[in-house]
């Protein structure tokens, strides 16, 4: 019971723990009548106390009284009986308790699990008490309140922070020997290289880069690459539908001569077709096998250039690769126009994150993985893989679970959501998602939509009719996704692939814009550990990705890796290595 003393200048209150079910069933006035005793006059109170003391003067009584008082004090120290109700000028107020329950304060103390945001501020009658995600006060878990840090977590400013680029900038200065050879190469009118590129837009992009370099190695002119009709999407787009052909020719004018078609002197020439280019062929191999033939016949036709040219080339050729990928391959004006508009609409209300989601049906089939939506969808993917085993890209001896734990499967929406939350993405984050329609439709995206309501793709951002000119053209749609993603403040792919690789290099080349590389192999065991507290899970995930946020990464430490993914040191330099790779 709480007593009120009229003769004191400050009201002193004590508290009792009352189950929330009882509190919610009683009115505020009922509680006050139960908890606050009727007031008595100080005169009657003093006379009753004197009468009581005069009746208990024996020593045995006082020994017993002191013993009882000591026991109560020890119990008070051993058990904190006042934890349910925080200090307040108005004890047992039902409105206050209702607010606390709604903010998950009481739930956490009564054994309920909290899945709140990274930080909360509970306003209790003018007093603000910071809570962490588990619903426990920071002071109770030994964490000193840090208002600045709490503010950063609440508004997500830490998430949008860009990595330190260490002063690296684009650096494509070529050697005198390369420049001297260029004069003869661009004037040559006897040798022509024709290439047929295949796959999706980003795969075609990589093959175009290698085609330019092979033409340079052979000293031949390059006929504008021919796009093979995509068997999956049926896209019949040509080079000039996707890329700015005029710009492509102008940028490479001093390196390789680009022609739109064979000249009349070679139009009737039957090209020599080569189908046996090995993987990772060196410049010496290219010259020894193709140079005599193209010089004799005048025209050489190459197909399937994907990964045929070695990733380890002389410095000048690596710079040429970067020049093609990051300067020459600019998108056609109509595509660049709509892509830039959508990026501006995303930026209108602040920074945004671009997600490249690989959740299409063919991706699940090819990777040997399962979407995890429900047994029905998993069975569809499993049966499709049994029916068409040739679609599986590799490692057919591994089970789905082995692939998953090895980090070979795309992240699904639940995993992407948990990863972003652990890395500090605020609920208010604006997210652009790139990629084809996920298998399972909107249901596959629900975890992301529910956690991050500002979730858009190109169809959401475009005005009526804006995308109609590009309908049923998957390569064009992929190009629009590329532009919006490249302009984002943060980019993250749910799975490795051509777009992720090119985007990583492009963002590095643009000044190391933030790029999150999910460490799937190391983080998935923690995703499967349901007993791990959320705060500990977040700490572990942040630590795993501390060096995977787009910081400078030298290709020299990654032999065999593409320079268009790791442009340092061949294509970028700072004050410490400016003269080393010129």
Protein backbone atom coordinates (compact mmCIF):
# COMPACT_ATOMS: atom_id res chain seq x y z
CA UNK A 1 0.00 0.00 0.00
CA UNK A 2 1.10 3.58 -0.62
CA UNK A 3 0.68 6.05 2.25
CA UNK A 4 0.57 9.78 2.08
CA UNK A 5 2.23 11.97 4.71
CA UNK A 6 0.90 15.47 4.98
CA UNK A 7 3.78 16.73 7.06
CA UNK A 8 6.47 16.01 4.46
CA UNK A 9 7.45 18.44 1.79
CA UNK A 10 8.05 15.76 -0.86
CA UNK A 11 5.73 12.86 -1.58
CA UNK A 12 7.43 9.50 -1.19
CA UNK A 13 5.88 6.62 -3.07
CA UNK A 14 6.42 2.87 -3.04
CA UNK A 15 5.25 0.34 -5.57
CA UNK A 16 3.93 -3.15 -5.93
CA UNK A 17 4.10 -5.59 -8.85
CA UNK A 18 0.69 -6.26 -10.32
CA UNK A 19 0.04 -8.66 -13.27
CA UNK A 20 -0.97 -6.78 -16.40
CA UNK A 21 -4.12 -8.90 -16.83
CA UNK A 22 -5.48 -7.64 -13.48
CA UNK A 23 -4.47 -4.05 -14.20
CA UNK A 24 -6.18 -4.01 -17.58
CA UNK A 25 -9.42 -5.29 -16.01
CA UNK A 26 -9.62 -2.45 -13.48
CA UNK A 27 -10.33 1.20 -14.00
CA UNK A 28 -7.89 3.89 -12.95
CA UNK A 29 -10.15 5.07 -10.11
CA UNK A 30 -10.53 1.51 -8.80
CA UNK A 31 -6.78 1.09 -8.70
CA UNK A 32 -6.32 4.34 -6.83
CA UNK A 33 -8.89 3.30 -4.24
CA UNK A 34 -7.07 -0.01 -3.78
CA UNK A 35 -3.60 1.45 -3.57
CA UNK A 36 -4.05 4.73 -1.68
CA UNK A 37 -5.17 4.59 1.99
CA UNK A 38 -7.72 7.11 3.32
CA UNK A 39 -6.05 10.17 4.80
CA UNK A 40 -5.84 10.41 8.58
CA UNK A 41 -5.16 13.44 10.67
CA UNK A 42 -1.66 13.71 12.10
CA UNK A 43 -3.14 14.09 15.56
CA UNK A 44 -4.99 10.75 15.63
CA UNK A 45 -2.00 9.08 13.99
CA UNK A 46 0.45 10.21 16.72
CA UNK A 47 -1.85 9.20 19.57
CA UNK A 48 -2.35 5.73 18.15
CA UNK A 49 1.42 5.25 17.73
CA UNK A 50 2.07 6.21 21.42
CA UNK A 51 -0.60 3.81 22.61
CA UNK A 52 0.86 0.96 20.53
CA UNK A 53 4.43 1.57 21.81
CA UNK A 54 3.38 1.60 25.45
CA UNK A 55 1.92 -1.90 25.02
CA UNK A 56 5.12 -3.42 23.59
CA UNK A 57 8.03 -2.64 25.93
CA UNK A 58 9.43 -6.18 26.48
CA UNK A 59 13.01 -6.90 25.21
CA UNK A 60 11.88 -10.11 23.47
CA UNK A 61 9.50 -8.13 21.27
CA UNK A 62 12.22 -5.70 20.12
CA UNK A 63 14.64 -8.56 19.30
CA UNK A 64 11.93 -10.22 17.24
CA UNK A 65 11.08 -6.90 15.56
CA UNK A 66 14.72 -6.21 14.58
CA UNK A 67 15.13 -9.79 13.28
CA UNK A 68 11.99 -9.46 11.14
CA UNK A 69 13.12 -6.07 9.81
CA UNK A 70 16.53 -7.53 8.84
CA UNK A 71 14.93 -10.47 7.02
CA UNK A 72 12.72 -8.15 4.98
CA UNK A 73 15.77 -6.06 4.03
CA UNK A 74 17.69 -9.14 2.88
CA UNK A 75 14.74 -10.33 0.81
CA UNK A 76 14.50 -6.89 -0.75
CA UNK A 77 18.15 -7.02 -1.78
CA UNK A 78 17.89 -10.58 -3.08
CA UNK A 79 14.79 -10.04 -5.21
CA UNK A 80 14.05 -6.91 -7.18
CA UNK A 81 10.30 -6.80 -6.65
CA UNK A 82 9.74 -3.47 -8.34
CA UNK A 83 10.91 -4.30 -11.88
CA UNK A 84 7.51 -4.46 -13.50
CA UNK A 85 6.54 -0.88 -12.77
CA UNK A 86 9.11 1.86 -13.58
CA UNK A 87 9.38 4.93 -11.43
CA UNK A 88 6.71 7.46 -12.22
CA UNK A 89 4.87 10.27 -10.46
CA UNK A 90 1.67 8.27 -11.01
CA UNK A 91 2.04 4.67 -9.81
CA UNK A 92 -0.14 1.99 -11.43
CA UNK A 93 -1.61 4.31 -14.04
CA UNK A 94 -3.43 2.06 -16.54
CA UNK A 95 -2.69 4.43 -19.42
CA UNK A 96 1.03 4.28 -18.71
CA UNK A 97 1.02 0.49 -18.48
CA UNK A 98 -0.86 0.23 -21.75
CA UNK A 99 1.79 2.41 -23.43
CA UNK A 100 4.58 0.30 -22.02
CA UNK A 101 3.00 -2.92 -23.26
CA UNK A 102 2.51 -1.42 -26.71
CA UNK A 103 6.22 -0.50 -26.72
CA UNK A 104 7.15 -4.08 -25.74
CA UNK A 105 8.68 -3.06 -22.43
CA UNK A 106 6.52 -5.25 -20.23
CA UNK A 107 6.47 -8.08 -22.76
CA UNK A 108 10.22 -8.47 -22.58
CA UNK A 109 10.19 -8.56 -18.76
CA UNK A 110 7.38 -11.10 -18.72
CA UNK A 111 9.12 -13.54 -21.06
CA UNK A 112 7.71 -12.40 -24.42
CA UNK A 113 9.99 -12.16 -27.45
CA UNK A 114 10.50 -8.76 -28.95
CA UNK A 115 11.13 -8.20 -32.63
CA UNK A 116 11.25 -4.44 -32.57
CA UNK A 117 13.48 -2.13 -34.49
CA UNK A 118 17.08 -1.48 -33.63
CA UNK A 119 16.29 1.27 -31.17
CA UNK A 120 13.17 2.66 -29.55
CA UNK A 121 12.35 5.72 -27.50
CA UNK A 122 9.57 5.21 -24.99
CA UNK A 123 8.20 8.48 -23.69
CA UNK A 124 6.85 7.97 -20.16
CA UNK A 125 5.26 11.14 -18.81
CA UNK A 126 8.09 13.40 -19.85
CA UNK A 127 10.93 10.93 -19.20
CA UNK A 128 12.60 9.24 -22.20
CA UNK A 129 14.11 5.79 -21.72
CA UNK A 130 16.16 4.27 -24.58
CA UNK A 131 15.48 0.63 -25.37
CA UNK A 132 17.50 -1.80 -27.48
CA UNK A 133 15.95 -4.38 -29.80
CA UNK A 134 15.33 -7.00 -27.10
CA UNK A 135 13.18 -4.54 -25.17
CA UNK A 136 15.62 -4.31 -22.22
CA UNK A 137 16.94 -1.00 -20.99
CA UNK A 138 20.54 -0.36 -22.03
CA UNK A 139 21.52 0.21 -18.41
CA UNK A 140 20.26 -3.29 -17.55
CA UNK A 141 22.60 -4.99 -20.01
CA UNK A 142 25.67 -2.98 -19.13
CA UNK A 143 25.56 -0.65 -22.15
CA UNK A 144 26.02 3.01 -21.51
CA UNK A 145 23.43 5.11 -23.35
CA UNK A 146 24.95 6.91 -26.33
CA UNK A 147 22.48 9.39 -27.70
CA UNK A 148 24.56 10.01 -30.80
CA UNK A 149 24.80 6.33 -31.65
CA UNK A 150 21.13 5.75 -30.98
CA UNK A 151 20.32 8.62 -33.31
CA UNK A 152 22.51 7.17 -36.05
CA UNK A 153 20.81 3.78 -35.77
CA UNK A 154 17.36 5.30 -35.73
CA UNK A 155 17.80 7.37 -38.90
CA UNK A 156 20.11 4.86 -40.61
CA UNK A 157 22.87 7.42 -41.24
CA UNK A 158 25.52 4.78 -40.55
CA UNK A 159 23.98 2.52 -43.19
CA UNK A 160 24.30 5.21 -45.86
CA UNK A 161 27.90 6.04 -44.96
CA UNK A 162 30.27 5.54 -47.91
CA UNK A 163 33.54 3.56 -47.68
CA UNK A 164 36.91 5.30 -47.69
CA UNK A 165 38.18 5.24 -51.28
CA UNK A 166 41.75 5.98 -50.12
CA UNK A 167 42.12 8.61 -52.82
CA UNK A 168 41.90 6.18 -55.78
CA UNK A 169 40.81 7.65 -59.11
CA UNK A 170 40.59 6.46 -62.71
CA UNK A 171 44.03 6.16 -64.27
CA UNK A 172 44.11 4.98 -67.92
CA UNK A 173 47.41 6.46 -69.12
CA UNK A 174 48.83 4.15 -71.81
CA UNK A 175 52.45 3.41 -72.64
CA UNK A 176 54.26 5.03 -75.55
CA UNK A 177 54.61 1.62 -77.21
CA UNK A 178 50.82 1.11 -77.15
CA UNK A 179 50.17 4.56 -78.61
CA UNK A 180 52.73 4.02 -81.36
CA UNK A 181 51.13 0.70 -82.38
CA UNK A 182 47.68 2.31 -82.45
CA UNK A 183 48.48 4.41 -85.50
CA UNK A 184 48.96 1.36 -87.72
CA UNK A 185 46.04 -0.61 -86.22
CA UNK A 186 43.35 2.03 -86.79
CA UNK A 187 44.54 2.62 -90.38
CA UNK A 188 44.48 -1.07 -91.35
CA UNK A 189 41.78 -1.99 -93.92
CA UNK A 190 42.62 -5.65 -94.49
CA UNK A 191 41.53 -7.51 -91.36
CA UNK A 192 38.04 -7.65 -89.84
CA UNK A 193 36.76 -9.44 -86.77
CA UNK A 194 33.08 -10.45 -86.45
CA UNK A 195 31.80 -11.63 -83.08
CA UNK A 196 28.43 -13.06 -82.04
CA UNK A 197 27.58 -12.41 -78.41
CA UNK A 198 24.92 -14.26 -76.44
CA UNK A 199 23.16 -14.37 -73.07
CA UNK A 200 21.59 -11.57 -71.08
CA UNK A 201 22.53 -7.91 -71.33
CA UNK A 202 25.33 -8.04 -68.75
CA UNK A 203 26.77 -11.24 -70.23
CA UNK A 204 26.72 -9.60 -73.68
CA UNK A 205 28.45 -6.57 -72.19
CA UNK A 206 31.35 -8.69 -70.91
CA UNK A 207 31.75 -10.39 -74.29
CA UNK A 208 31.83 -7.03 -76.10
CA UNK A 209 34.68 -5.92 -73.81
CA UNK A 210 36.68 -9.03 -74.72
CA UNK A 211 35.84 -8.66 -78.43
CA UNK A 212 37.42 -5.19 -78.51
CA UNK A 213 40.56 -6.49 -76.78
CA UNK A 214 40.86 -9.48 -79.16
CA UNK A 215 40.49 -7.13 -82.15
CA UNK A 216 43.32 -5.02 -80.71
CA UNK A 217 45.53 -8.09 -80.21
CA UNK A 218 44.97 -9.13 -83.87
CA UNK A 219 45.32 -5.58 -85.18
CA UNK A 220 41.92 -5.93 -86.87
CA UNK A 221 38.87 -3.72 -87.22
CA UNK A 222 35.84 -4.83 -85.21
CA UNK A 223 32.47 -5.12 -86.88
CA UNK A 224 29.72 -4.00 -84.50
CA UNK A 225 28.98 -7.12 -82.44
CA UNK A 226 25.98 -9.22 -83.48
CA UNK A 227 23.49 -10.06 -80.73
CA UNK A 228 22.24 -13.62 -80.82
CA UNK A 229 18.49 -13.88 -80.15
CA UNK A 230 18.05 -14.86 -76.51
CA UNK A 231 16.42 -18.29 -76.37
CA UNK A 232 14.97 -17.70 -72.89
CA UNK A 233 13.45 -14.22 -73.33
CA UNK A 234 13.14 -14.06 -77.12
CA UNK A 235 14.74 -10.60 -77.17
CA UNK A 236 15.73 -9.53 -80.71
CA UNK A 237 17.49 -6.31 -79.70
CA UNK A 238 20.59 -5.25 -81.64
CA UNK A 239 23.70 -3.45 -80.44
CA UNK A 240 22.37 0.01 -81.32
CA UNK A 241 19.10 -0.71 -79.48
CA UNK A 242 21.00 -1.09 -76.21
CA UNK A 243 24.17 0.97 -76.56
CA UNK A 244 25.09 4.34 -78.06
CA UNK A 245 26.92 3.22 -81.22
CA UNK A 246 28.25 6.65 -82.16
CA UNK A 247 29.72 7.13 -78.68
CA UNK A 248 31.19 3.60 -78.78
CA UNK A 249 33.07 4.37 -82.00
CA UNK A 250 34.31 7.77 -80.86
CA UNK A 251 35.68 6.63 -77.50
CA UNK A 252 37.62 3.73 -79.08
CA UNK A 253 38.78 5.62 -82.17
CA UNK A 254 42.43 5.62 -81.00
CA UNK A 255 42.43 1.96 -79.95
CA UNK A 256 40.39 -0.12 -82.41
CA UNK A 257 38.53 0.84 -85.57
CA UNK A 258 34.83 0.05 -85.22
CA UNK A 259 32.77 -0.45 -88.40
CA UNK A 260 29.03 -1.00 -88.75
CA UNK A 261 29.42 -3.59 -91.54
CA UNK A 262 32.03 -5.24 -93.74
CA UNK A 263 33.27 -3.05 -96.59
CA UNK A 264 32.50 -3.95 -100.19
CA UNK A 265 36.00 -5.43 -100.58
CA UNK A 266 35.16 -8.10 -98.00
CA UNK A 267 31.39 -8.44 -98.29
CA UNK A 268 31.64 -11.59 -100.40
CA UNK A 269 34.39 -13.09 -98.30
CA UNK A 270 33.36 -16.21 -96.45
CA UNK A 271 34.53 -15.66 -92.87
CA UNK A 272 36.67 -18.24 -91.14
CA UNK A 273 34.66 -19.43 -88.16
CA UNK A 274 36.51 -20.52 -85.06
CA UNK A 275 34.63 -22.50 -82.42
CA UNK A 276 37.48 -23.93 -80.42
CA UNK A 277 38.80 -20.96 -78.48
CA UNK A 278 39.83 -22.38 -75.09
CA UNK A 279 38.96 -20.82 -71.76
CA UNK A 280 41.28 -18.04 -70.59
CA UNK A 281 43.32 -17.85 -73.78
CA UNK A 282 46.38 -15.59 -73.55
CA UNK A 283 47.27 -12.86 -76.09
CA UNK A 284 50.10 -15.08 -77.38
CA UNK A 285 47.65 -17.94 -77.97
CA UNK A 286 45.26 -15.59 -79.82
CA UNK A 287 48.04 -14.35 -82.10
CA UNK A 288 49.53 -17.77 -82.81
CA UNK A 289 46.18 -19.37 -83.73
CA UNK A 290 44.26 -16.55 -85.42
CA UNK A 291 46.63 -13.96 -86.83
CA UNK A 292 47.77 -15.89 -89.93
CA UNK A 293 44.22 -16.97 -90.73
CA UNK A 294 42.65 -13.52 -90.45
CA UNK A 295 45.52 -12.03 -92.45
CA UNK A 296 45.03 -14.64 -95.18
CA UNK A 297 41.22 -14.70 -95.30
CA UNK A 298 40.53 -11.13 -94.23
CA UNK A 299 37.57 -11.99 -91.98
CA UNK A 300 37.41 -14.04 -88.77
CA UNK A 301 34.16 -15.02 -87.05
CA UNK A 302 34.13 -15.84 -83.33
CA UNK A 303 31.22 -17.12 -81.26
CA UNK A 304 30.79 -17.77 -77.55
CA UNK A 305 33.44 -15.43 -76.20
CA UNK A 306 32.27 -15.75 -72.59
CA UNK A 307 35.41 -16.20 -70.43
CA UNK A 308 37.50 -17.15 -73.46
CA UNK A 309 40.05 -14.38 -73.01
CA UNK A 310 42.44 -14.55 -70.06
CA UNK A 311 41.77 -12.22 -67.12
CA UNK A 312 45.51 -11.67 -66.68
CA UNK A 313 46.66 -9.41 -69.49
CA UNK A 314 49.43 -6.82 -69.99
CA UNK A 315 48.68 -3.49 -68.31
CA UNK A 316 47.75 -1.65 -71.51
CA UNK A 317 45.17 -4.27 -72.47
CA UNK A 318 43.71 -4.21 -68.97
CA UNK A 319 43.30 -0.46 -69.30
CA UNK A 320 41.58 -1.02 -72.63
CA UNK A 321 39.16 -3.37 -70.91
CA UNK A 322 38.26 -0.66 -68.41
CA UNK A 323 37.97 1.94 -71.15
CA UNK A 324 35.41 -0.22 -72.97
CA UNK A 325 33.44 -1.23 -69.87
CA UNK A 326 33.31 2.12 -68.07
CA UNK A 327 33.54 4.68 -70.91
CA UNK A 328 32.66 3.28 -74.35
CA UNK A 329 29.61 1.16 -73.45
CA UNK A 330 27.16 3.94 -72.76
CA UNK A 331 23.49 3.10 -73.07
CA UNK A 332 21.45 4.37 -76.01
CA UNK A 333 19.81 7.80 -75.41
CA UNK A 334 16.21 6.50 -74.99
CA UNK A 335 17.33 3.96 -72.37
CA UNK A 336 19.65 6.42 -70.63
CA UNK A 337 16.82 8.96 -70.53
CA UNK A 338 14.22 6.74 -68.84
CA UNK A 339 16.81 5.17 -66.52
CA UNK A 340 18.02 8.59 -65.35
CA UNK A 341 14.43 9.73 -64.75
CA UNK A 342 13.69 6.73 -62.54
CA UNK A 343 16.94 7.26 -60.60
CA UNK A 344 16.01 10.90 -60.01
CA UNK A 345 12.58 9.88 -58.74
CA UNK A 346 14.23 7.53 -56.27
CA UNK A 347 16.61 10.29 -55.14
CA UNK A 348 13.88 12.90 -54.70
CA UNK A 349 13.35 11.97 -51.04
CA UNK A 350 16.91 11.14 -50.09
CA UNK A 351 19.33 8.22 -50.44
CA UNK A 352 18.23 4.85 -51.73
CA UNK A 353 19.40 1.25 -51.84
CA UNK A 354 19.36 -0.85 -55.02
CA UNK A 355 18.85 -4.59 -54.62
CA UNK A 356 19.54 -7.02 -57.44
CA UNK A 357 17.26 -9.94 -56.60
CA UNK A 358 17.93 -13.27 -58.31
CA UNK A 359 14.69 -15.08 -57.55
CA UNK A 360 13.41 -16.03 -61.01
CA UNK A 361 12.34 -19.60 -61.74
CA UNK A 362 15.26 -20.33 -64.08
CA UNK A 363 17.74 -19.08 -61.45
CA UNK A 364 16.44 -21.55 -58.83
CA UNK A 365 16.58 -24.36 -61.40
CA UNK A 366 20.07 -23.55 -62.69
CA UNK A 367 21.65 -23.08 -59.24
CA UNK A 368 20.26 -26.34 -57.85
CA UNK A 369 18.59 -24.42 -55.01
CA UNK A 370 15.05 -24.06 -53.67
CA UNK A 371 13.08 -20.82 -53.15
CA UNK A 372 11.83 -21.90 -49.70
CA UNK A 373 8.39 -20.27 -50.10
CA UNK A 374 6.41 -23.41 -49.40
CA UNK A 375 6.57 -27.13 -50.33
CA UNK A 376 4.46 -26.58 -53.48
CA UNK A 377 6.94 -24.14 -55.04
CA UNK A 378 9.95 -26.21 -53.96
CA UNK A 379 8.44 -29.28 -55.62
CA UNK A 380 7.90 -27.39 -58.90
CA UNK A 381 11.58 -26.38 -59.00
CA UNK A 382 12.74 -29.88 -58.04
CA UNK A 383 10.64 -31.53 -60.78
CA UNK A 384 11.83 -29.01 -63.39
CA UNK A 385 15.45 -29.81 -62.53
CA UNK A 386 14.78 -33.56 -62.83
CA UNK A 387 13.10 -33.01 -66.20
CA UNK A 388 15.92 -30.80 -67.54
CA UNK A 389 19.18 -31.76 -65.79
CA UNK A 390 21.23 -29.92 -68.45
CA UNK A 391 20.13 -26.62 -66.93
CA UNK A 392 22.11 -27.22 -63.73
CA UNK A 393 25.20 -25.05 -64.05
CA UNK A 394 27.60 -27.30 -62.11
CA UNK A 395 28.45 -29.35 -59.02
CA UNK A 396 25.62 -31.77 -59.68
CA UNK A 397 26.94 -34.08 -56.95
CA UNK A 398 25.97 -31.58 -54.21
CA UNK A 399 22.63 -31.64 -52.43
CA UNK A 400 20.54 -28.51 -51.99
CA UNK A 401 21.56 -28.20 -48.31
CA UNK A 402 25.25 -28.58 -49.20
CA UNK A 403 24.91 -25.86 -51.82
CA UNK A 404 23.10 -23.62 -49.37
CA UNK A 405 25.75 -23.92 -46.66
CA UNK A 406 28.52 -23.43 -49.23
CA UNK A 407 27.02 -20.05 -50.14
CA UNK A 408 26.08 -21.12 -53.67
CA UNK A 409 22.36 -20.30 -53.44
CA UNK A 410 20.67 -16.93 -53.96
CA UNK A 411 19.35 -15.29 -50.81
CA UNK A 412 15.56 -15.35 -50.54
CA UNK A 413 13.47 -12.41 -49.34
CA UNK A 414 13.54 -13.48 -45.67
CA UNK A 415 17.34 -13.71 -45.68
CA UNK A 416 17.78 -10.41 -47.53
CA UNK A 417 15.49 -8.72 -45.00
CA UNK A 418 17.38 -10.07 -41.99
CA UNK A 419 20.74 -9.13 -43.53
CA UNK A 420 19.67 -5.55 -44.25
CA UNK A 421 18.23 -5.10 -40.76
CA UNK A 422 21.41 -6.46 -39.19
CA UNK A 423 23.52 -4.06 -41.26
CA UNK A 424 21.47 -1.12 -39.98
CA UNK A 425 19.08 -0.37 -42.83
CA UNK A 426 16.27 1.75 -41.35
CA UNK A 427 12.63 0.83 -41.86
CA UNK A 428 12.22 4.10 -43.76
CA UNK A 429 14.88 3.09 -46.32
CA UNK A 430 13.86 3.59 -49.93
CA UNK A 431 14.67 0.46 -51.92
CA UNK A 432 14.78 -0.10 -55.67
CA UNK A 433 14.74 -3.76 -56.62
CA UNK A 434 16.19 -4.85 -59.96
CA UNK A 435 15.74 -8.19 -61.66
CA UNK A 436 13.08 -10.35 -63.30
CA UNK A 437 9.77 -11.28 -61.73
CA UNK A 438 10.42 -13.61 -58.78
CA UNK A 439 9.10 -17.15 -58.82
CA UNK A 440 6.01 -17.03 -56.64
CA UNK A 441 5.13 -13.45 -57.55
CA UNK A 442 4.45 -10.90 -54.83
CA UNK A 443 4.31 -13.62 -52.18
CA UNK A 444 8.05 -14.16 -52.66
CA UNK A 445 8.69 -10.49 -51.81
CA UNK A 446 6.33 -10.11 -48.82
CA UNK A 447 9.02 -10.25 -46.09
CA UNK A 448 10.85 -7.34 -47.74
CA UNK A 449 7.70 -5.33 -48.40
CA UNK A 450 6.44 -5.71 -44.82
CA UNK A 451 9.76 -4.63 -43.29
CA UNK A 452 10.61 -1.93 -45.86
CA UNK A 453 7.37 -0.42 -47.17
CA UNK A 454 9.18 2.01 -49.53
CA UNK A 455 9.93 -0.80 -51.97
CA UNK A 456 9.83 -0.07 -55.73
CA UNK A 457 10.81 -1.38 -59.14
CA UNK A 458 10.77 0.28 -62.55
CA UNK A 459 7.07 -0.46 -63.08
CA UNK A 460 6.21 1.29 -59.80
CA UNK A 461 8.23 4.40 -60.65
CA UNK A 462 7.36 4.83 -64.32
CA UNK A 463 4.50 7.04 -65.43
CA UNK A 464 1.73 5.47 -67.56
CA UNK A 465 3.11 4.63 -70.99
CA UNK A 466 6.78 5.39 -70.20
CA UNK A 467 7.88 1.75 -70.44
CA UNK A 468 5.68 0.81 -73.40
CA UNK A 469 8.40 1.38 -76.03
CA UNK A 470 10.56 -1.22 -74.24
CA UNK A 471 7.90 -3.87 -73.62
CA UNK A 472 8.96 -7.53 -74.10
CA UNK A 473 12.62 -6.55 -74.46
CA UNK A 474 14.43 -8.11 -71.54
CA UNK A 475 17.84 -6.65 -72.42
CA UNK A 476 16.45 -3.11 -72.45
CA UNK A 477 14.71 -3.68 -69.11
CA UNK A 478 17.99 -5.01 -67.68
CA UNK A 479 19.74 -1.87 -68.95
CA UNK A 480 17.21 0.35 -67.15
CA UNK A 481 17.80 -1.63 -63.95
CA UNK A 482 21.54 -1.15 -64.43
CA UNK A 483 21.24 2.65 -64.68
CA UNK A 484 19.04 3.00 -61.57
CA UNK A 485 21.29 0.61 -59.64
CA UNK A 486 24.51 2.35 -60.66
CA UNK A 487 23.11 5.69 -59.45
CA UNK A 488 22.05 4.33 -56.04
CA UNK A 489 23.78 5.23 -52.78
CA UNK A 490 24.11 1.58 -51.77
CA UNK A 491 23.94 -1.56 -53.91
CA UNK A 492 23.59 -5.19 -52.86
CA UNK A 493 23.06 -8.34 -54.96
CA UNK A 494 21.27 -11.35 -53.53
CA UNK A 495 23.50 -13.63 -55.60
CA UNK A 496 26.68 -13.40 -57.64
CA UNK A 497 26.39 -12.99 -61.38
CA UNK A 498 27.33 -10.82 -64.33
CA UNK A 499 25.40 -7.75 -63.20
CA UNK A 500 26.78 -7.97 -59.67
CA UNK A 501 30.34 -8.29 -60.96
CA UNK A 502 30.11 -5.43 -63.45
CA UNK A 503 28.29 -3.25 -60.91
CA UNK A 504 30.99 -3.89 -58.31
CA UNK A 505 33.70 -2.72 -60.69
CA UNK A 506 31.68 0.22 -62.01
CA UNK A 507 30.95 1.53 -58.50
CA UNK A 508 34.60 1.10 -57.53
CA UNK A 509 35.70 2.97 -60.66
CA UNK A 510 33.22 5.77 -59.87
CA UNK A 511 34.94 6.41 -56.51
CA UNK A 512 34.12 3.33 -54.43
CA UNK A 513 30.41 3.86 -53.92
CA UNK A 514 29.06 1.52 -51.27
CA UNK A 515 28.60 -2.06 -52.46
CA UNK A 516 27.57 -4.79 -50.01
CA UNK A 517 28.87 -8.27 -50.82
CA UNK A 518 26.82 -10.79 -48.77
CA UNK A 519 29.14 -13.29 -47.10
CA UNK A 520 26.67 -16.12 -47.58
CA UNK A 521 28.98 -18.99 -46.69
CA UNK A 522 29.91 -17.59 -43.28
CA UNK A 523 26.64 -15.92 -42.29
CA UNK A 524 24.12 -18.68 -43.08
CA UNK A 525 24.95 -20.83 -40.01
CA UNK A 526 23.96 -17.84 -37.86
CA UNK A 527 20.73 -17.45 -39.84
CA UNK A 528 19.89 -21.06 -38.93
CA UNK A 529 20.61 -20.54 -35.21
CA UNK A 530 17.18 -19.60 -33.83
CA UNK A 531 18.48 -19.35 -30.25
CA UNK A 532 20.85 -16.47 -31.07
CA UNK A 533 19.61 -13.16 -29.57
CA UNK A 534 18.88 -10.50 -32.17
CA UNK A 535 21.43 -8.05 -30.79
CA UNK A 536 24.19 -10.70 -30.91
CA UNK A 537 23.11 -11.78 -34.41
CA UNK A 538 23.33 -8.17 -35.64
CA UNK A 539 26.78 -7.73 -34.08
CA UNK A 540 28.10 -10.89 -35.76
CA UNK A 541 26.66 -10.01 -39.16
CA UNK A 542 28.13 -6.49 -39.03
CA UNK A 543 31.53 -7.88 -38.10
CA UNK A 544 31.41 -10.41 -40.97
CA UNK A 545 30.72 -7.62 -43.46
CA UNK A 546 33.06 -5.00 -42.04
CA UNK A 547 35.42 -5.35 -45.03
CA UNK A 548 32.74 -6.17 -47.63
CA UNK A 549 31.21 -2.74 -48.13
CA UNK A 550 32.97 -1.63 -51.32
CA UNK A 551 36.37 -0.64 -49.93
CA UNK A 552 39.35 -0.58 -52.36
CA UNK A 553 40.40 -4.15 -53.22
CA UNK A 554 43.51 -4.76 -55.29
CA UNK A 555 43.27 -7.23 -58.17
CA UNK A 556 46.93 -8.09 -57.68
CA UNK A 557 45.86 -10.10 -54.63
CA UNK A 558 43.22 -11.92 -56.73
CA UNK A 559 44.99 -13.64 -59.62
CA UNK A 560 42.60 -14.61 -62.39
CA UNK A 561 39.95 -12.04 -61.45
CA UNK A 562 38.45 -9.64 -63.98
CA UNK A 563 39.83 -6.12 -63.98
CA UNK A 564 36.33 -4.80 -64.69
CA UNK A 565 35.39 -6.13 -61.24
CA UNK A 566 38.65 -5.17 -59.48
CA UNK A 567 39.98 -2.08 -61.35
CA UNK A 568 42.87 -1.44 -58.92
CA UNK A 569 45.80 -1.15 -59.70
CA UNK A 570 45.66 -1.32 -63.52
CA UNK A 571 42.79 1.16 -64.03
CA UNK A 572 42.90 3.24 -60.84
CA UNK A 573 45.70 4.88 -58.92
CA UNK A 574 46.34 7.18 -55.99
CA UNK A 575 49.38 9.18 -54.89
CA UNK A 576 51.20 6.08 -53.65
CA UNK A 577 51.00 4.12 -56.91
CA UNK A 578 50.48 6.78 -59.59
CA UNK A 579 53.84 6.07 -61.20
CA UNK A 580 53.90 2.31 -60.68
CA UNK A 581 51.25 1.38 -63.23
CA UNK A 582 51.34 4.20 -65.75
